[in-house]
Amino acid sequence: MTKNVVATFTLHEASPGHHMQVVVNKKTVMPKFLKYPAVRSASVPSTFSQYTAYKEGWGLYSEWLGHELGVYKNEPRKEIGQIMGDLLRSSRLIVDTGEQLQPSGPSLV
């Protein structure tokens, strides 16, 4: 891990990221489809055990809060790290959504 992404990684994973997300989810009444993993089926190999779009959306928002918190202010390398992380996680959101809508398997490749 490079120094460029340490601030973004910390925001994404710690507070206000996934660590805070887990705490909030335990204390909040949430829909069952977000609280419990999807049922795996042998006929649908691409079914994820959890809703990663929801989780990564929270992480992306947490990274963006770094701008409001002043984490990236006058720190071009940290800002570049935020952009790199944003591109990575945004692409993961798109891929996850696409796989949920159109599962691919060996016969479709």
N, C-alpha and C. Protein backbone atom coordinates (compact mmCIF):
# COMPACT_ATOMS: atom_id res chain seq x y z
N MET A 1 0.85 -1.16 0.00
CA MET A 1 0.00 0.00 0.00
C MET A 1 0.90 1.23 0.00
N THR A 2 0.60 2.17 -0.88
CA THR A 2 1.39 3.40 -0.95
C THR A 2 0.84 4.44 0.01
N LYS A 3 1.66 5.43 0.31
CA LYS A 3 1.23 6.50 1.21
C LYS A 3 0.07 7.30 0.63
N ASN A 4 -0.07 7.28 -0.69
CA ASN A 4 -1.14 8.04 -1.35
C ASN A 4 -2.52 7.58 -0.93
N VAL A 5 -2.67 6.30 -0.66
CA VAL A 5 -4.00 5.76 -0.40
C VAL A 5 -4.29 5.49 1.08
N VAL A 6 -3.35 5.78 1.97
CA VAL A 6 -3.55 5.47 3.38
C VAL A 6 -4.74 6.25 3.95
N ALA A 7 -4.84 7.55 3.67
CA ALA A 7 -5.96 8.35 4.19
C ALA A 7 -7.29 7.83 3.67
N THR A 8 -7.34 7.56 2.37
CA THR A 8 -8.58 7.06 1.76
C THR A 8 -8.94 5.69 2.33
N PHE A 9 -7.96 4.83 2.46
CA PHE A 9 -8.20 3.49 3.01
C PHE A 9 -8.72 3.57 4.45
N THR A 10 -8.14 4.47 5.23
CA THR A 10 -8.57 4.64 6.62
C THR A 10 -10.01 5.13 6.68
N LEU A 11 -10.35 6.12 5.86
CA LEU A 11 -11.73 6.62 5.83
C LEU A 11 -12.69 5.53 5.38
N HIS A 12 -12.28 4.75 4.38
CA HIS A 12 -13.15 3.72 3.81
C HIS A 12 -13.40 2.57 4.80
N GLU A 13 -12.35 2.14 5.49
CA GLU A 13 -12.47 0.96 6.34
C GLU A 13 -12.81 1.26 7.80
N ALA A 14 -12.35 2.39 8.32
CA ALA A 14 -12.51 2.66 9.75
C ALA A 14 -13.73 3.55 9.99
N SER A 15 -13.48 4.75 10.42
CA SER A 15 -14.59 5.66 10.72
C SER A 15 -14.47 6.86 9.82
N PRO A 16 -15.43 7.16 9.02
CA PRO A 16 -16.84 6.76 9.00
C PRO A 16 -17.15 5.59 8.08
N GLY A 17 -16.19 4.74 7.82
CA GLY A 17 -16.36 3.65 6.87
C GLY A 17 -17.05 2.42 7.40
N HIS A 18 -16.55 1.26 6.97
CA HIS A 18 -17.22 -0.01 7.27
C HIS A 18 -17.30 -0.31 8.76
N HIS A 19 -16.31 0.11 9.53
CA HIS A 19 -16.37 -0.13 10.97
C HIS A 19 -17.61 0.55 11.56
N MET A 20 -17.82 1.80 11.19
CA MET A 20 -19.00 2.52 11.68
C MET A 20 -20.27 1.93 11.07
N GLN A 21 -20.20 1.46 9.84
CA GLN A 21 -21.35 0.87 9.18
C GLN A 21 -21.84 -0.36 9.95
N VAL A 22 -20.93 -1.19 10.40
CA VAL A 22 -21.31 -2.38 11.16
C VAL A 22 -22.02 -1.99 12.45
N VAL A 23 -21.49 -0.99 13.14
CA VAL A 23 -22.10 -0.54 14.40
C VAL A 23 -23.50 0.01 14.13
N VAL A 24 -23.64 0.85 13.11
CA VAL A 24 -24.94 1.44 12.78
C VAL A 24 -25.93 0.35 12.39
N ASN A 25 -25.48 -0.61 11.59
CA ASN A 25 -26.37 -1.69 11.14
C ASN A 25 -26.88 -2.54 12.30
N LYS A 26 -26.06 -2.72 13.33
CA LYS A 26 -26.50 -3.51 14.48
C LYS A 26 -27.52 -2.78 15.32
N LYS A 27 -27.48 -1.45 15.30
CA LYS A 27 -28.37 -0.66 16.15
C LYS A 27 -29.59 -0.12 15.40
N THR A 28 -29.68 -0.37 14.12
CA THR A 28 -30.74 0.19 13.30
C THR A 28 -31.66 -0.92 12.80
N VAL A 29 -32.94 -0.63 12.72
CA VAL A 29 -33.89 -1.56 12.12
C VAL A 29 -33.69 -1.46 10.61
N MET A 30 -33.25 -2.56 10.02
CA MET A 30 -32.95 -2.57 8.59
C MET A 30 -33.78 -3.63 7.89
N PRO A 31 -33.99 -3.46 6.58
CA PRO A 31 -34.70 -4.50 5.83
C PRO A 31 -33.92 -5.82 5.87
N LYS A 32 -34.65 -6.92 5.88
CA LYS A 32 -34.00 -8.23 5.98
C LYS A 32 -33.03 -8.50 4.83
N PHE A 33 -33.35 -7.97 3.63
CA PHE A 33 -32.47 -8.26 2.50
C PHE A 33 -31.10 -7.60 2.66
N LEU A 34 -30.98 -6.57 3.48
CA LEU A 34 -29.68 -5.96 3.75
C LEU A 34 -29.00 -6.58 4.96
N LYS A 35 -29.80 -7.08 5.87
CA LYS A 35 -29.26 -7.59 7.13
C LYS A 35 -28.74 -9.02 6.99
N TYR A 36 -29.37 -9.83 6.16
CA TYR A 36 -29.00 -11.24 6.05
C TYR A 36 -28.45 -11.54 4.66
N PRO A 37 -27.47 -12.42 4.57
CA PRO A 37 -26.89 -12.77 3.26
C PRO A 37 -27.89 -13.44 2.35
N ALA A 38 -27.65 -13.32 1.06
CA ALA A 38 -28.49 -13.99 0.07
C ALA A 38 -28.26 -15.49 0.17
N VAL A 39 -29.27 -16.25 -0.19
CA VAL A 39 -29.16 -17.71 -0.18
C VAL A 39 -28.38 -18.14 -1.40
N ARG A 40 -27.36 -18.95 -1.18
CA ARG A 40 -26.57 -19.44 -2.31
C ARG A 40 -27.29 -20.61 -2.97
N SER A 41 -27.20 -20.65 -4.26
CA SER A 41 -27.82 -21.72 -5.02
C SER A 41 -26.78 -22.29 -5.98
N ALA A 42 -26.78 -23.61 -6.12
CA ALA A 42 -25.82 -24.24 -7.03
C ALA A 42 -26.09 -23.84 -8.47
N SER A 43 -27.33 -23.50 -8.80
CA SER A 43 -27.66 -23.13 -10.17
C SER A 43 -27.30 -21.69 -10.50
N VAL A 44 -27.02 -20.88 -9.49
CA VAL A 44 -26.66 -19.48 -9.72
C VAL A 44 -25.31 -19.23 -9.05
N PRO A 45 -24.20 -19.51 -9.75
CA PRO A 45 -22.88 -19.43 -9.12
C PRO A 45 -22.44 -18.01 -8.78
N SER A 46 -23.03 -16.99 -9.42
CA SER A 46 -22.55 -15.63 -9.18
C SER A 46 -23.28 -14.92 -8.04
N THR A 47 -24.18 -15.61 -7.35
CA THR A 47 -24.88 -14.98 -6.24
C THR A 47 -23.89 -14.66 -5.13
N PHE A 48 -23.84 -13.40 -4.73
CA PHE A 48 -22.92 -13.00 -3.67
C PHE A 48 -23.56 -13.28 -2.32
N SER A 49 -22.73 -13.52 -1.32
CA SER A 49 -23.25 -13.82 0.00
C SER A 49 -23.75 -12.56 0.70
N GLN A 50 -23.35 -11.39 0.24
CA GLN A 50 -23.80 -10.14 0.83
C GLN A 50 -23.99 -9.11 -0.27
N TYR A 51 -24.67 -8.03 0.06
CA TYR A 51 -24.93 -6.99 -0.92
C TYR A 51 -23.78 -6.00 -0.93
N THR A 52 -22.83 -6.24 -1.83
CA THR A 52 -21.63 -5.42 -1.85
C THR A 52 -21.90 -4.01 -2.36
N ALA A 53 -22.93 -3.82 -3.18
CA ALA A 53 -23.22 -2.46 -3.67
C ALA A 53 -23.58 -1.55 -2.50
N TYR A 54 -24.36 -2.06 -1.57
CA TYR A 54 -24.72 -1.28 -0.38
C TYR A 54 -23.47 -0.98 0.46
N LYS A 55 -22.67 -2.00 0.68
CA LYS A 55 -21.46 -1.83 1.50
C LYS A 55 -20.46 -0.89 0.85
N GLU A 56 -20.18 -1.09 -0.43
CA GLU A 56 -19.19 -0.26 -1.10
C GLU A 56 -19.71 1.16 -1.32
N GLY A 57 -21.01 1.30 -1.47
CA GLY A 57 -21.59 2.65 -1.55
C GLY A 57 -21.32 3.43 -0.27
N TRP A 58 -21.46 2.75 0.86
CA TRP A 58 -21.15 3.38 2.15
C TRP A 58 -19.67 3.77 2.19
N GLY A 59 -18.81 2.88 1.74
CA GLY A 59 -17.37 3.14 1.73
C GLY A 59 -17.01 4.31 0.83
N LEU A 60 -17.63 4.37 -0.35
CA LEU A 60 -17.38 5.49 -1.27
C LEU A 60 -17.81 6.81 -0.65
N TYR A 61 -18.95 6.81 -0.03
CA TYR A 61 -19.42 8.03 0.63
C TYR A 61 -18.48 8.43 1.75
N SER A 62 -17.98 7.46 2.49
CA SER A 62 -17.03 7.74 3.58
C SER A 62 -15.76 8.38 3.04
N GLU A 63 -15.28 7.88 1.91
CA GLU A 63 -14.09 8.46 1.29
C GLU A 63 -14.37 9.91 0.87
N TRP A 64 -15.54 10.14 0.30
CA TRP A 64 -15.89 11.49 -0.15
C TRP A 64 -15.99 12.46 1.03
N LEU A 65 -16.40 11.98 2.19
CA LEU A 65 -16.47 12.83 3.37
C LEU A 65 -15.10 13.39 3.75
N GLY A 66 -14.05 12.75 3.30
CA GLY A 66 -12.70 13.26 3.54
C GLY A 66 -12.51 14.67 3.02
N HIS A 67 -13.21 15.00 1.94
CA HIS A 67 -13.14 16.37 1.41
C HIS A 67 -13.77 17.34 2.40
N GLU A 68 -14.93 16.98 2.93
CA GLU A 68 -15.60 17.86 3.89
C GLU A 68 -14.85 17.94 5.21
N LEU A 69 -14.14 16.87 5.57
CA LEU A 69 -13.37 16.86 6.81
C LEU A 69 -12.02 17.55 6.66
N GLY A 70 -11.64 17.89 5.43
CA GLY A 70 -10.37 18.56 5.18
C GLY A 70 -9.17 17.63 5.13
N VAL A 71 -9.40 16.33 4.98
CA VAL A 71 -8.31 15.36 4.96
C VAL A 71 -7.42 15.56 3.74
N TYR A 72 -8.00 15.92 2.60
CA TYR A 72 -7.25 16.04 1.36
C TYR A 72 -6.80 17.47 1.07
N LYS A 73 -7.16 18.41 1.91
CA LYS A 73 -6.86 19.83 1.67
C LYS A 73 -5.34 20.06 1.62
N ASN A 74 -4.88 20.70 0.55
CA ASN A 74 -3.46 20.99 0.33
C ASN A 74 -2.58 19.74 0.37
N GLU A 75 -3.15 18.60 0.05
CA GLU A 75 -2.41 17.33 0.02
C GLU A 75 -2.68 16.63 -1.33
N PRO A 76 -1.99 17.04 -2.39
CA PRO A 76 -2.30 16.48 -3.72
C PRO A 76 -2.12 14.97 -3.80
N ARG A 77 -1.15 14.42 -3.08
CA ARG A 77 -0.95 12.96 -3.14
C ARG A 77 -2.13 12.22 -2.50
N LYS A 78 -2.63 12.73 -1.39
CA LYS A 78 -3.80 12.12 -0.76
C LYS A 78 -5.01 12.22 -1.68
N GLU A 79 -5.13 13.35 -2.35
CA GLU A 79 -6.26 13.52 -3.27
C GLU A 79 -6.16 12.56 -4.45
N ILE A 80 -4.95 12.35 -4.97
CA ILE A 80 -4.75 11.37 -6.04
C ILE A 80 -5.10 9.97 -5.53
N GLY A 81 -4.70 9.67 -4.30
CA GLY A 81 -5.07 8.38 -3.71
C GLY A 81 -6.56 8.21 -3.58
N GLN A 82 -7.26 9.30 -3.25
CA GLN A 82 -8.73 9.25 -3.16
C GLN A 82 -9.33 8.99 -4.53
N ILE A 83 -8.80 9.63 -5.55
CA ILE A 83 -9.31 9.43 -6.91
C ILE A 83 -9.06 7.99 -7.36
N MET A 84 -7.86 7.47 -7.06
CA MET A 84 -7.56 6.07 -7.42
C MET A 84 -8.52 5.10 -6.73
N GLY A 85 -8.76 5.32 -5.45
CA GLY A 85 -9.70 4.48 -4.72
C GLY A 85 -11.11 4.62 -5.23
N ASP A 86 -11.48 5.85 -5.58
CA ASP A 86 -12.82 6.10 -6.11
C ASP A 86 -13.04 5.35 -7.42
N LEU A 87 -12.05 5.39 -8.29
CA LEU A 87 -12.16 4.66 -9.56
C LEU A 87 -12.29 3.16 -9.34
N LEU A 88 -11.48 2.62 -8.44
CA LEU A 88 -11.53 1.19 -8.16
C LEU A 88 -12.88 0.78 -7.60
N ARG A 89 -13.35 1.49 -6.58
CA ARG A 89 -14.61 1.09 -5.94
C ARG A 89 -15.82 1.39 -6.82
N SER A 90 -15.76 2.43 -7.61
CA SER A 90 -16.85 2.71 -8.54
C SER A 90 -16.97 1.59 -9.57
N SER A 91 -15.85 1.12 -10.06
CA SER A 91 -15.90 0.01 -11.03
C SER A 91 -16.43 -1.26 -10.37
N ARG A 92 -16.08 -1.48 -9.10
CA ARG A 92 -16.62 -2.65 -8.39
C ARG A 92 -18.12 -2.56 -8.22
N LEU A 93 -18.65 -1.36 -7.98
CA LEU A 93 -20.10 -1.18 -7.86
C LEU A 93 -20.79 -1.52 -9.18
N ILE A 94 -20.21 -1.07 -10.28
CA ILE A 94 -20.80 -1.33 -11.59
C ILE A 94 -20.77 -2.82 -11.92
N VAL A 95 -19.64 -3.46 -11.66
CA VAL A 95 -19.52 -4.90 -11.94
C VAL A 95 -20.48 -5.69 -11.07
N ASP A 96 -20.57 -5.35 -9.78
CA ASP A 96 -21.47 -6.06 -8.88
C ASP A 96 -22.92 -5.95 -9.34
N THR A 97 -23.33 -4.75 -9.70
CA THR A 97 -24.70 -4.55 -10.17
C THR A 97 -24.96 -5.33 -11.45
N GLY A 98 -23.99 -5.31 -12.36
CA GLY A 98 -24.14 -6.05 -13.61
C GLY A 98 -24.23 -7.54 -13.39
N GLU A 99 -23.44 -8.07 -12.47
CA GLU A 99 -23.49 -9.50 -12.20
C GLU A 99 -24.78 -9.90 -11.51
N GLN A 100 -25.33 -9.03 -10.70
CA GLN A 100 -26.60 -9.34 -10.06
C GLN A 100 -27.74 -9.37 -11.08
N LEU A 101 -27.66 -8.50 -12.08
CA LEU A 101 -28.71 -8.44 -13.09
C LEU A 101 -28.56 -9.52 -14.15
N GLN A 102 -27.33 -9.78 -14.57
CA GLN A 102 -27.08 -10.76 -15.62
C GLN A 102 -25.95 -11.69 -15.19
N PRO A 103 -26.29 -12.73 -14.43
CA PRO A 103 -25.23 -13.66 -14.01
C PRO A 103 -24.56 -14.31 -15.20
N SER A 104 -23.27 -14.40 -15.14
CA SER A 104 -22.53 -15.07 -16.21
C SER A 104 -21.98 -16.38 -15.69
N GLY A 105 -21.86 -17.30 -16.55
CA GLY A 105 -21.31 -18.59 -16.20
C GLY A 105 -20.42 -19.08 -17.32
N PRO A 106 -19.87 -20.26 -17.18
CA PRO A 106 -18.98 -20.79 -18.22
C PRO A 106 -19.62 -20.85 -19.59
N SER A 107 -20.94 -21.10 -19.64
CA SER A 107 -21.62 -21.21 -20.94
C SER A 107 -21.79 -19.86 -21.62
N LEU A 108 -21.70 -18.76 -20.87
CA LEU A 108 -21.91 -17.44 -21.43
C LEU A 108 -20.62 -16.73 -21.79
N VAL A 109 -19.49 -17.35 -21.51
CA VAL A 109 -18.20 -16.69 -21.77
C VAL A 109 -17.79 -16.88 -23.19
